[in-house]
Amino acid sequence: MRRARPGAMPRGTAERALTSVEAGADFDKESESAQTQAPDREVEVEVSKLWHITLSVSGAQAPLKEVRRALEQLAHDHPFLLTSRYATDHAEIRYWEEARDLHDAAAVALRLWGEHRQSAKLPPWEIVGLEVIDRETYHLRIAEGYGPPPAAPVGVHPY
């Protein structure tokens, strides 16, 4: 441990070097100054929401055991996966995604299959359907008896 008086230069340095650190991307000087001038005004901050995703994929037939193993690996790689239903030529994946808005949630969902195709050894199927609904709509549908039932049997199941 080096002992020196506060503000003293390290040994062997001719002058003190100063560095600056830039503010983060979400730092806004105008909103900060407005907040200090009028503390009773609220600054609107975007908050993530939960979105229920149903992703449907299909393609050429694949052995049922391989489809199941691939979907189980996907569930392991993507821990928010609720349930998957599958057959030899199609599958449906349901899960919750946290995102700022519907566009972000849909973009992440559309990348899911392709990004995990190699790591989970998923069949070379194409995405044929996507449903993205907010949490409130999901619960409203369930309460009214519409839409898919809650994913109670979590995991990978055949149709």
N, C-alpha and C. Protein backbone atom coordinates (compact mmCIF):
# COMPACT_ATOMS: atom_id res chain seq x y z
N MET A 1 0.83 -1.16 0.00
CA MET A 1 0.00 0.00 0.00
C MET A 1 0.89 1.24 0.00
N ARG A 2 0.56 2.19 -0.84
CA ARG A 2 1.35 3.41 -0.98
C ARG A 2 0.84 4.46 -0.01
N ARG A 3 1.75 5.07 0.70
CA ARG A 3 1.37 6.13 1.63
C ARG A 3 1.76 7.46 1.00
N ALA A 4 0.79 8.32 0.90
CA ALA A 4 1.05 9.66 0.39
C ALA A 4 -0.08 10.56 0.84
N ARG A 5 0.17 11.84 0.73
CA ARG A 5 -0.90 12.76 1.13
C ARG A 5 -1.94 12.81 0.00
N PRO A 6 -3.21 13.08 0.30
CA PRO A 6 -4.25 13.14 -0.72
C PRO A 6 -3.90 14.14 -1.81
N GLY A 7 -4.10 13.75 -3.05
CA GLY A 7 -3.84 14.62 -4.19
C GLY A 7 -2.39 14.63 -4.62
N ALA A 8 -1.54 13.93 -3.92
CA ALA A 8 -0.12 13.91 -4.29
C ALA A 8 0.06 13.07 -5.53
N MET A 9 1.04 13.48 -6.35
CA MET A 9 1.32 12.74 -7.58
C MET A 9 2.08 11.45 -7.24
N PRO A 10 1.83 10.39 -8.01
CA PRO A 10 2.60 9.17 -7.80
C PRO A 10 4.08 9.44 -8.08
N ARG A 11 4.93 8.69 -7.43
CA ARG A 11 6.36 8.83 -7.64
C ARG A 11 6.73 8.59 -9.10
N GLY A 12 7.63 9.40 -9.59
CA GLY A 12 8.12 9.21 -10.95
C GLY A 12 7.26 9.87 -12.00
N THR A 13 6.27 10.66 -11.61
CA THR A 13 5.46 11.36 -12.60
C THR A 13 5.72 12.84 -12.51
N ALA A 14 5.84 13.46 -13.66
CA ALA A 14 6.15 14.89 -13.69
C ALA A 14 4.90 15.72 -13.45
N GLU A 15 3.79 15.29 -13.98
CA GLU A 15 2.56 16.03 -13.78
C GLU A 15 1.40 15.07 -13.62
N ARG A 16 0.34 15.56 -13.09
CA ARG A 16 -0.83 14.74 -12.82
C ARG A 16 -1.66 14.61 -14.08
N ALA A 17 -2.04 13.40 -14.44
CA ALA A 17 -2.87 13.17 -15.63
C ALA A 17 -4.32 13.08 -15.20
N LEU A 18 -5.16 13.83 -15.88
CA LEU A 18 -6.59 13.80 -15.60
C LEU A 18 -7.30 13.12 -16.75
N THR A 19 -8.28 12.33 -16.43
CA THR A 19 -9.09 11.69 -17.46
C THR A 19 -10.54 11.99 -17.18
N SER A 20 -11.34 11.90 -18.21
CA SER A 20 -12.77 12.12 -18.03
C SER A 20 -13.52 10.89 -18.49
N VAL A 21 -14.68 10.74 -17.96
CA VAL A 21 -15.53 9.61 -18.32
C VAL A 21 -16.81 10.19 -18.90
N GLU A 22 -17.18 9.70 -20.09
CA GLU A 22 -18.40 10.19 -20.73
C GLU A 22 -19.63 9.66 -20.01
N ALA A 23 -20.69 10.41 -20.09
CA ALA A 23 -21.96 9.98 -19.51
C ALA A 23 -22.52 8.82 -20.31
N GLY A 24 -23.34 8.01 -19.68
CA GLY A 24 -23.96 6.88 -20.36
C GLY A 24 -24.96 7.33 -21.41
N ALA A 25 -25.40 6.39 -22.22
CA ALA A 25 -26.32 6.70 -23.32
C ALA A 25 -27.66 7.23 -22.83
N ASP A 26 -28.06 6.83 -21.61
CA ASP A 26 -29.37 7.26 -21.12
C ASP A 26 -29.29 8.56 -20.32
N PHE A 27 -28.12 9.18 -20.27
CA PHE A 27 -27.96 10.44 -19.56
C PHE A 27 -28.43 11.59 -20.43
N ASP A 28 -29.28 12.42 -19.87
CA ASP A 28 -29.85 13.53 -20.61
C ASP A 28 -29.70 14.79 -19.77
N LYS A 29 -28.82 15.69 -20.19
CA LYS A 29 -28.55 16.90 -19.41
C LYS A 29 -29.79 17.76 -19.28
N GLU A 30 -30.60 17.85 -20.33
CA GLU A 30 -31.80 18.69 -20.27
C GLU A 30 -32.79 18.17 -19.24
N SER A 31 -33.02 16.86 -19.22
CA SER A 31 -33.97 16.33 -18.25
C SER A 31 -33.43 16.44 -16.84
N GLU A 32 -32.09 16.33 -16.69
CA GLU A 32 -31.51 16.47 -15.36
C GLU A 32 -31.66 17.89 -14.86
N SER A 33 -31.37 18.89 -15.73
CA SER A 33 -31.51 20.27 -15.30
C SER A 33 -32.97 20.63 -15.06
N ALA A 34 -33.88 20.08 -15.85
CA ALA A 34 -35.31 20.32 -15.63
C ALA A 34 -35.75 19.71 -14.30
N GLN A 35 -35.19 18.55 -13.97
CA GLN A 35 -35.54 17.87 -12.72
C GLN A 35 -35.05 18.68 -11.52
N THR A 36 -33.85 19.28 -11.63
CA THR A 36 -33.34 20.06 -10.50
C THR A 36 -34.08 21.39 -10.38
N GLN A 37 -34.53 21.95 -11.51
CA GLN A 37 -35.24 23.23 -11.46
C GLN A 37 -36.68 23.04 -11.01
N ALA A 38 -37.32 21.95 -11.44
CA ALA A 38 -38.71 21.68 -11.09
C ALA A 38 -38.83 20.24 -10.59
N PRO A 39 -38.46 20.02 -9.32
CA PRO A 39 -38.44 18.63 -8.82
C PRO A 39 -39.81 17.98 -8.75
N ASP A 40 -40.89 18.75 -8.79
CA ASP A 40 -42.22 18.15 -8.71
C ASP A 40 -42.67 17.57 -10.04
N ARG A 41 -41.99 17.91 -11.13
CA ARG A 41 -42.32 17.34 -12.44
C ARG A 41 -41.66 15.98 -12.58
N GLU A 42 -42.41 15.02 -13.07
CA GLU A 42 -41.87 13.67 -13.26
C GLU A 42 -41.24 13.55 -14.63
N VAL A 43 -40.09 12.90 -14.69
CA VAL A 43 -39.44 12.61 -15.96
C VAL A 43 -39.87 11.22 -16.37
N GLU A 44 -40.39 11.10 -17.58
CA GLU A 44 -40.89 9.83 -18.06
C GLU A 44 -39.74 8.91 -18.45
N VAL A 45 -39.66 7.75 -17.82
CA VAL A 45 -38.63 6.77 -18.10
C VAL A 45 -39.31 5.54 -18.68
N GLU A 46 -38.80 5.07 -19.81
CA GLU A 46 -39.40 3.88 -20.41
C GLU A 46 -39.07 2.65 -19.58
N VAL A 47 -40.09 1.85 -19.34
CA VAL A 47 -39.95 0.66 -18.53
C VAL A 47 -40.25 -0.56 -19.39
N SER A 48 -39.51 -1.61 -19.16
CA SER A 48 -39.76 -2.85 -19.88
C SER A 48 -41.07 -3.47 -19.42
N LYS A 49 -41.69 -4.20 -20.34
CA LYS A 49 -42.93 -4.91 -20.05
C LYS A 49 -42.73 -6.38 -20.38
N LEU A 50 -43.62 -7.20 -19.87
CA LEU A 50 -43.60 -8.62 -20.22
C LEU A 50 -44.54 -8.85 -21.39
N TRP A 51 -44.08 -9.63 -22.35
CA TRP A 51 -44.85 -9.96 -23.55
C TRP A 51 -44.93 -11.47 -23.67
N HIS A 52 -46.13 -11.99 -23.95
CA HIS A 52 -46.29 -13.42 -24.16
C HIS A 52 -46.06 -13.71 -25.64
N ILE A 53 -45.13 -14.59 -25.91
CA ILE A 53 -44.73 -14.92 -27.28
C ILE A 53 -45.20 -16.32 -27.62
N THR A 54 -45.80 -16.47 -28.79
CA THR A 54 -46.09 -17.79 -29.35
C THR A 54 -45.43 -17.82 -30.72
N LEU A 55 -44.44 -18.69 -30.86
CA LEU A 55 -43.67 -18.81 -32.09
C LEU A 55 -43.99 -20.16 -32.72
N SER A 56 -44.46 -20.15 -33.97
CA SER A 56 -44.78 -21.39 -34.68
C SER A 56 -43.77 -21.59 -35.80
N VAL A 57 -43.25 -22.81 -35.89
CA VAL A 57 -42.28 -23.16 -36.92
C VAL A 57 -42.72 -24.44 -37.61
N SER A 58 -42.33 -24.60 -38.87
CA SER A 58 -42.63 -25.86 -39.56
C SER A 58 -41.66 -26.04 -40.71
N GLY A 59 -41.64 -27.28 -41.21
CA GLY A 59 -40.75 -27.61 -42.32
C GLY A 59 -40.81 -29.09 -42.61
N ALA A 60 -39.76 -29.56 -43.25
CA ALA A 60 -39.67 -30.99 -43.62
C ALA A 60 -39.68 -31.86 -42.36
N GLN A 61 -40.18 -33.07 -42.53
CA GLN A 61 -40.26 -33.97 -41.38
C GLN A 61 -38.87 -34.29 -40.83
N ALA A 62 -38.84 -34.41 -39.51
CA ALA A 62 -37.61 -34.78 -38.80
C ALA A 62 -37.99 -35.85 -37.79
N PRO A 63 -37.05 -36.70 -37.41
CA PRO A 63 -37.36 -37.73 -36.41
C PRO A 63 -37.85 -37.09 -35.10
N LEU A 64 -38.92 -37.66 -34.56
CA LEU A 64 -39.56 -37.12 -33.37
C LEU A 64 -38.59 -37.00 -32.19
N LYS A 65 -37.72 -38.00 -32.00
CA LYS A 65 -36.76 -37.96 -30.89
C LYS A 65 -35.79 -36.79 -31.04
N GLU A 66 -35.37 -36.51 -32.28
CA GLU A 66 -34.45 -35.40 -32.50
C GLU A 66 -35.13 -34.06 -32.27
N VAL A 67 -36.39 -33.95 -32.66
CA VAL A 67 -37.14 -32.71 -32.44
C VAL A 67 -37.28 -32.47 -30.95
N ARG A 68 -37.65 -33.50 -30.21
CA ARG A 68 -37.80 -33.37 -28.76
C ARG A 68 -36.49 -32.97 -28.10
N ARG A 69 -35.40 -33.65 -28.46
CA ARG A 69 -34.11 -33.34 -27.87
C ARG A 69 -33.69 -31.90 -28.18
N ALA A 70 -33.93 -31.45 -29.41
CA ALA A 70 -33.57 -30.08 -29.81
C ALA A 70 -34.38 -29.05 -29.03
N LEU A 71 -35.68 -29.29 -28.85
CA LEU A 71 -36.52 -28.36 -28.10
C LEU A 71 -36.16 -28.36 -26.62
N GLU A 72 -35.77 -29.51 -26.09
CA GLU A 72 -35.31 -29.55 -24.70
C GLU A 72 -34.02 -28.76 -24.53
N GLN A 73 -33.13 -28.85 -25.51
CA GLN A 73 -31.90 -28.07 -25.47
C GLN A 73 -32.20 -26.57 -25.58
N LEU A 74 -33.15 -26.21 -26.44
CA LEU A 74 -33.57 -24.81 -26.56
C LEU A 74 -34.12 -24.30 -25.23
N ALA A 75 -34.92 -25.13 -24.55
CA ALA A 75 -35.46 -24.75 -23.25
C ALA A 75 -34.35 -24.56 -22.23
N HIS A 76 -33.30 -25.35 -22.34
CA HIS A 76 -32.15 -25.22 -21.44
C HIS A 76 -31.38 -23.93 -21.75
N ASP A 77 -31.20 -23.65 -23.04
CA ASP A 77 -30.46 -22.46 -23.47
C ASP A 77 -31.24 -21.17 -23.23
N HIS A 78 -32.56 -21.25 -23.33
CA HIS A 78 -33.42 -20.07 -23.19
C HIS A 78 -34.32 -20.31 -21.98
N PRO A 79 -33.88 -19.93 -20.79
CA PRO A 79 -34.57 -20.32 -19.56
C PRO A 79 -35.99 -19.81 -19.40
N PHE A 80 -36.42 -18.83 -20.19
CA PHE A 80 -37.77 -18.31 -20.02
C PHE A 80 -38.79 -19.07 -20.86
N LEU A 81 -38.35 -20.11 -21.55
CA LEU A 81 -39.25 -20.92 -22.35
C LEU A 81 -40.26 -21.59 -21.43
N LEU A 82 -41.53 -21.41 -21.71
CA LEU A 82 -42.57 -22.01 -20.87
C LEU A 82 -42.90 -23.42 -21.31
N THR A 83 -43.29 -23.53 -22.57
CA THR A 83 -43.71 -24.83 -23.06
C THR A 83 -43.50 -24.91 -24.56
N SER A 84 -43.30 -26.11 -25.03
CA SER A 84 -43.18 -26.37 -26.46
C SER A 84 -44.05 -27.56 -26.79
N ARG A 85 -44.73 -27.47 -27.91
CA ARG A 85 -45.47 -28.61 -28.45
C ARG A 85 -44.85 -28.92 -29.79
N TYR A 86 -44.78 -30.18 -30.14
CA TYR A 86 -44.07 -30.52 -31.36
C TYR A 86 -44.66 -31.75 -32.03
N ALA A 87 -44.37 -31.87 -33.31
CA ALA A 87 -44.68 -33.04 -34.12
C ALA A 87 -43.48 -33.21 -35.04
N THR A 88 -43.57 -34.14 -35.98
CA THR A 88 -42.42 -34.39 -36.86
C THR A 88 -42.16 -33.27 -37.84
N ASP A 89 -43.18 -32.42 -38.11
CA ASP A 89 -42.99 -31.37 -39.12
C ASP A 89 -43.36 -29.96 -38.66
N HIS A 90 -43.68 -29.78 -37.37
CA HIS A 90 -43.98 -28.44 -36.87
C HIS A 90 -43.87 -28.40 -35.35
N ALA A 91 -43.75 -27.18 -34.84
CA ALA A 91 -43.66 -27.00 -33.39
C ALA A 91 -44.20 -25.62 -33.03
N GLU A 92 -44.58 -25.49 -31.77
CA GLU A 92 -45.05 -24.22 -31.23
C GLU A 92 -44.31 -23.99 -29.92
N ILE A 93 -43.74 -22.81 -29.79
CA ILE A 93 -42.96 -22.45 -28.61
C ILE A 93 -43.64 -21.27 -27.94
N ARG A 94 -43.86 -21.37 -26.64
CA ARG A 94 -44.50 -20.28 -25.90
C ARG A 94 -43.60 -19.88 -24.74
N TYR A 95 -43.43 -18.57 -24.59
CA TYR A 95 -42.59 -18.08 -23.50
C TYR A 95 -42.87 -16.61 -23.25
N TRP A 96 -42.32 -16.08 -22.17
CA TRP A 96 -42.42 -14.67 -21.83
C TRP A 96 -41.12 -13.98 -22.22
N GLU A 97 -41.25 -12.79 -22.76
CA GLU A 97 -40.08 -11.98 -23.14
C GLU A 97 -40.23 -10.61 -22.49
N GLU A 98 -39.15 -10.09 -21.96
CA GLU A 98 -39.16 -8.74 -21.41
C GLU A 98 -38.59 -7.80 -22.46
N ALA A 99 -39.35 -6.77 -22.79
CA ALA A 99 -38.92 -5.82 -23.81
C ALA A 99 -39.60 -4.48 -23.58
N ARG A 100 -39.03 -3.45 -24.17
CA ARG A 100 -39.55 -2.09 -24.03
C ARG A 100 -40.91 -1.96 -24.71
N ASP A 101 -41.05 -2.53 -25.91
CA ASP A 101 -42.31 -2.43 -26.63
C ASP A 101 -42.51 -3.66 -27.50
N LEU A 102 -43.65 -3.70 -28.18
CA LEU A 102 -43.99 -4.84 -29.02
C LEU A 102 -42.95 -5.08 -30.12
N HIS A 103 -42.46 -4.01 -30.71
CA HIS A 103 -41.47 -4.14 -31.79
C HIS A 103 -40.21 -4.85 -31.32
N ASP A 104 -39.73 -4.48 -30.14
CA ASP A 104 -38.53 -5.12 -29.60
C ASP A 104 -38.79 -6.59 -29.27
N ALA A 105 -39.95 -6.86 -28.67
CA ALA A 105 -40.29 -8.24 -28.31
C ALA A 105 -40.40 -9.10 -29.57
N ALA A 106 -41.03 -8.58 -30.61
CA ALA A 106 -41.17 -9.34 -31.86
C ALA A 106 -39.81 -9.57 -32.52
N ALA A 107 -38.96 -8.57 -32.48
CA ALA A 107 -37.63 -8.72 -33.09
C ALA A 107 -36.82 -9.81 -32.40
N VAL A 108 -36.87 -9.83 -31.08
CA VAL A 108 -36.15 -10.87 -30.33
C VAL A 108 -36.75 -12.24 -30.64
N ALA A 109 -38.07 -12.32 -30.67
CA ALA A 109 -38.74 -13.60 -30.94
C ALA A 109 -38.40 -14.13 -32.33
N LEU A 110 -38.34 -13.24 -33.31
CA LEU A 110 -38.03 -13.68 -34.68
C LEU A 110 -36.59 -14.15 -34.83
N ARG A 111 -35.72 -13.74 -33.93
CA ARG A 111 -34.32 -14.19 -33.98
C ARG A 111 -34.10 -15.48 -33.20
N LEU A 112 -35.01 -15.83 -32.31
CA LEU A 112 -34.82 -16.96 -31.41
C LEU A 112 -34.47 -18.26 -32.14
N TRP A 113 -35.27 -18.65 -33.10
CA TRP A 113 -35.07 -19.92 -33.79
C TRP A 113 -33.74 -19.95 -34.52
N GLY A 114 -33.45 -18.89 -35.26
CA GLY A 114 -32.21 -18.85 -36.03
C GLY A 114 -30.96 -18.80 -35.18
N GLU A 115 -31.01 -18.04 -34.09
CA GLU A 115 -29.84 -17.92 -33.22
C GLU A 115 -29.53 -19.21 -32.47
N HIS A 116 -30.53 -20.02 -32.21
CA HIS A 116 -30.31 -21.27 -31.47
C HIS A 116 -30.27 -22.49 -32.39
N ARG A 117 -30.40 -22.28 -33.68
CA ARG A 117 -30.45 -23.41 -34.62
C ARG A 117 -29.22 -24.30 -34.50
N GLN A 118 -28.04 -23.70 -34.45
CA GLN A 118 -26.80 -24.48 -34.36
C GLN A 118 -26.58 -25.05 -32.96
N SER A 119 -26.70 -24.20 -31.93
CA SER A 119 -26.38 -24.65 -30.58
C SER A 119 -27.34 -25.74 -30.08
N ALA A 120 -28.61 -25.64 -30.42
CA ALA A 120 -29.60 -26.62 -29.97
C ALA A 120 -29.84 -27.71 -31.02
N LYS A 121 -29.20 -27.56 -32.18
CA LYS A 121 -29.39 -28.51 -33.30
C LYS A 121 -30.87 -28.64 -33.65
N LEU A 122 -31.49 -27.46 -33.82
CA LEU A 122 -32.91 -27.41 -34.18
C LEU A 122 -33.09 -27.82 -35.64
N PRO A 123 -34.25 -28.36 -36.00
CA PRO A 123 -34.51 -28.71 -37.39
C PRO A 123 -34.45 -27.45 -38.27
N PRO A 124 -34.15 -27.59 -39.54
CA PRO A 124 -34.06 -26.42 -40.43
C PRO A 124 -35.44 -25.91 -40.86
N TRP A 125 -36.29 -25.65 -39.90
CA TRP A 125 -37.64 -25.20 -40.16
C TRP A 125 -37.69 -23.69 -40.23
N GLU A 126 -38.76 -23.19 -40.83
CA GLU A 126 -38.98 -21.76 -40.96
C GLU A 126 -40.04 -21.30 -39.97
N ILE A 127 -39.95 -20.06 -39.58
CA ILE A 127 -40.98 -19.47 -38.73
C ILE A 127 -42.20 -19.20 -39.61
N VAL A 128 -43.35 -19.74 -39.20
CA VAL A 128 -44.57 -19.57 -39.98
C VAL A 128 -45.64 -18.78 -39.23
N GLY A 129 -45.37 -18.47 -37.97
CA GLY A 129 -46.33 -17.70 -37.22
C GLY A 129 -45.70 -17.08 -35.99
N LEU A 130 -46.20 -15.91 -35.64
CA LEU A 130 -45.72 -15.22 -34.45
C LEU A 130 -46.87 -14.43 -33.84
N GLU A 131 -47.10 -14.62 -32.56
CA GLU A 131 -48.07 -13.81 -31.84
C GLU A 131 -47.35 -13.21 -30.65
N VAL A 132 -47.49 -11.90 -30.50
CA VAL A 132 -46.90 -11.18 -29.38
C VAL A 132 -48.03 -10.38 -28.73
N ILE A 133 -48.33 -10.68 -27.48
CA ILE A 133 -49.37 -9.93 -26.76
C ILE A 133 -48.83 -9.51 -25.40
N ASP A 134 -49.33 -8.41 -24.91
CA ASP A 134 -48.86 -7.94 -23.61
C ASP A 134 -49.49 -8.78 -22.50
N ARG A 135 -48.95 -8.62 -21.32
CA ARG A 135 -49.37 -9.43 -20.18
C ARG A 135 -50.85 -9.25 -19.85
N GLU A 136 -51.32 -8.01 -19.91
CA GLU A 136 -52.71 -7.73 -19.59
C GLU A 136 -53.66 -8.43 -20.56
N THR A 137 -53.33 -8.37 -21.85
CA THR A 137 -54.16 -9.02 -22.87
C THR A 137 -54.16 -10.53 -22.68
N TYR A 138 -53.00 -11.09 -22.36
CA TYR A 138 -52.90 -12.53 -22.12
C TYR A 138 -53.83 -12.94 -20.99
N HIS A 139 -53.75 -12.23 -19.87
CA HIS A 139 -54.59 -12.59 -18.72
C HIS A 139 -56.07 -12.33 -18.98
N LEU A 140 -56.38 -11.31 -19.75
CA LEU A 140 -57.77 -11.03 -20.12
C LEU A 140 -58.33 -12.17 -20.97
N ARG A 141 -57.56 -12.63 -21.94
CA ARG A 141 -58.00 -13.76 -22.78
C ARG A 141 -58.24 -15.01 -21.95
N ILE A 142 -57.34 -15.30 -21.05
CA ILE A 142 -57.48 -16.49 -20.22
C ILE A 142 -58.73 -16.38 -19.35
N ALA A 143 -58.94 -15.21 -18.76
CA ALA A 143 -60.11 -15.01 -17.90
C ALA A 143 -61.41 -15.14 -18.68
N GLU A 144 -61.41 -14.74 -19.95
CA GLU A 144 -62.63 -14.83 -20.77
C GLU A 144 -62.78 -16.19 -21.44
N GLY A 145 -61.81 -17.07 -21.26
CA GLY A 145 -61.89 -18.39 -21.85
C GLY A 145 -61.41 -18.46 -23.29
N TYR A 146 -60.77 -17.42 -23.76
CA TYR A 146 -60.24 -17.40 -25.12
C TYR A 146 -58.74 -17.62 -25.10
N GLY A 147 -58.21 -17.94 -26.25
CA GLY A 147 -56.76 -18.09 -26.36
C GLY A 147 -56.29 -19.40 -25.78
N PRO A 148 -55.02 -19.65 -25.89
CA PRO A 148 -54.48 -20.91 -25.36
C PRO A 148 -54.54 -20.92 -23.85
N PRO A 149 -54.74 -22.08 -23.26
CA PRO A 149 -54.76 -22.16 -21.79
C PRO A 149 -53.37 -21.83 -21.25
N PRO A 150 -53.28 -21.45 -20.00
CA PRO A 150 -51.97 -21.17 -19.41
C PRO A 150 -51.05 -22.37 -19.57
N ALA A 151 -49.78 -22.08 -19.71
CA ALA A 151 -48.80 -23.14 -19.93
C ALA A 151 -48.51 -23.87 -18.62
N ALA A 152 -49.49 -24.57 -18.09
CA ALA A 152 -49.31 -25.28 -16.83
C ALA A 152 -48.32 -26.43 -16.96
N PRO A 153 -48.45 -27.26 -18.00
CA PRO A 153 -47.46 -28.32 -18.12
C PRO A 153 -46.18 -27.75 -18.76
N VAL A 154 -45.37 -27.11 -17.93
CA VAL A 154 -44.13 -26.51 -18.43
C VAL A 154 -43.23 -27.62 -18.96
N GLY A 155 -42.64 -27.37 -20.10
CA GLY A 155 -41.73 -28.34 -20.69
C GLY A 155 -42.01 -28.56 -22.16
N VAL A 156 -41.49 -29.66 -22.65
CA VAL A 156 -41.60 -30.01 -24.08
C VAL A 156 -42.54 -31.19 -24.18
N HIS A 157 -43.61 -31.03 -24.98
CA HIS A 157 -44.65 -32.05 -25.06
C HIS A 157 -45.03 -32.29 -26.52
N PRO A 158 -45.36 -33.53 -26.88
CA PRO A 158 -45.87 -33.80 -28.23
C PRO A 158 -47.29 -33.26 -28.38
N TYR A 159 -47.70 -33.00 -29.61
CA TYR A 159 -49.07 -32.55 -29.87
C TYR A 159 -50.04 -33.64 -29.50
